[in-house]
Amino acid sequence: MAWIAKYHSDFGNIEILQAKDTGSFIYRQGGCFQSECDRDGVSVVPYVHAIFGR
């Protein structure tokens, strides 16, 4: 993983990382996984697509 950015907010630290093997971007808040998207910005987590499908 490569660190892209880290921000401090009222809700905890927000971190953006990039996977070296796939190039996907991983978003964490307070040390917990929040979301992931591919290099083109398309989410790769199923719950996001399920929400849009409703």
Protein backbone atom coordinates (compact mmCIF):
# COMPACT_ATOMS: atom_id res chain seq x y z
CA MET A 1 0.00 0.00 0.00
CA ALA A 2 1.09 3.51 -0.75
CA TRP A 3 -0.13 6.43 1.34
CA ILE A 4 -1.82 9.06 -0.82
CA ALA A 5 -3.24 11.45 1.79
CA LYS A 6 -4.22 11.76 5.43
CA TYR A 7 -6.65 14.32 6.84
CA HIS A 8 -7.84 15.08 10.34
CA SER A 9 -11.57 15.74 10.76
CA ASP A 10 -14.04 16.08 13.62
CA PHE A 11 -14.92 12.42 12.96
CA GLY A 12 -11.38 11.04 13.16
CA ASN A 13 -8.48 10.64 10.77
CA ILE A 14 -9.33 9.99 7.14
CA GLU A 15 -6.71 8.09 5.15
CA ILE A 16 -6.48 7.44 1.41
CA LEU A 17 -4.22 4.61 0.30
CA GLN A 18 -3.49 3.03 -3.08
CA ALA A 19 -3.01 -0.70 -3.58
CA LYS A 20 0.23 -1.36 -5.44
CA ASP A 21 -1.03 -4.49 -7.22
CA THR A 22 -4.39 -3.22 -8.56
CA GLY A 23 -4.06 0.55 -8.28
CA SER A 24 -7.37 0.77 -6.42
CA PHE A 25 -7.92 3.50 -3.85
CA ILE A 26 -8.86 2.54 -0.31
CA TYR A 27 -10.53 4.95 2.08
CA ARG A 28 -10.27 4.48 5.84
CA GLN A 29 -11.69 6.53 8.67
CA GLY A 30 -10.56 6.05 12.26
CA GLY A 31 -8.50 3.05 11.10
CA CYS A 32 -11.58 1.25 9.73
CA PHE A 33 -12.26 0.38 6.09
CA GLN A 34 -14.90 2.69 4.57
CA SER A 35 -14.79 2.21 0.82
CA GLU A 36 -12.69 1.23 -2.19
CA CYS A 37 -12.73 2.26 -5.83
CA ASP A 38 -10.78 1.25 -8.92
CA ARG A 39 -8.40 3.54 -10.81
CA ASP A 40 -11.34 5.05 -12.72
CA GLY A 41 -13.24 5.94 -9.54
CA VAL A 42 -15.80 3.13 -9.80
CA SER A 43 -16.65 1.56 -6.44
CA VAL A 44 -15.62 -2.07 -6.02
CA VAL A 45 -17.69 -2.71 -2.87
CA PRO A 46 -21.01 -4.50 -3.47
CA TYR A 47 -23.13 -2.47 -1.06
CA VAL A 48 -22.62 0.72 -3.09
CA HIS A 49 -23.97 -0.92 -6.24
CA ALA A 50 -26.86 -2.44 -4.27
CA ILE A 51 -27.89 1.04 -3.05
CA PHE A 52 -27.87 2.43 -6.59
CA GLY A 53 -29.88 -0.57 -7.79
CA ARG A 54 -32.78 0.21 -5.48
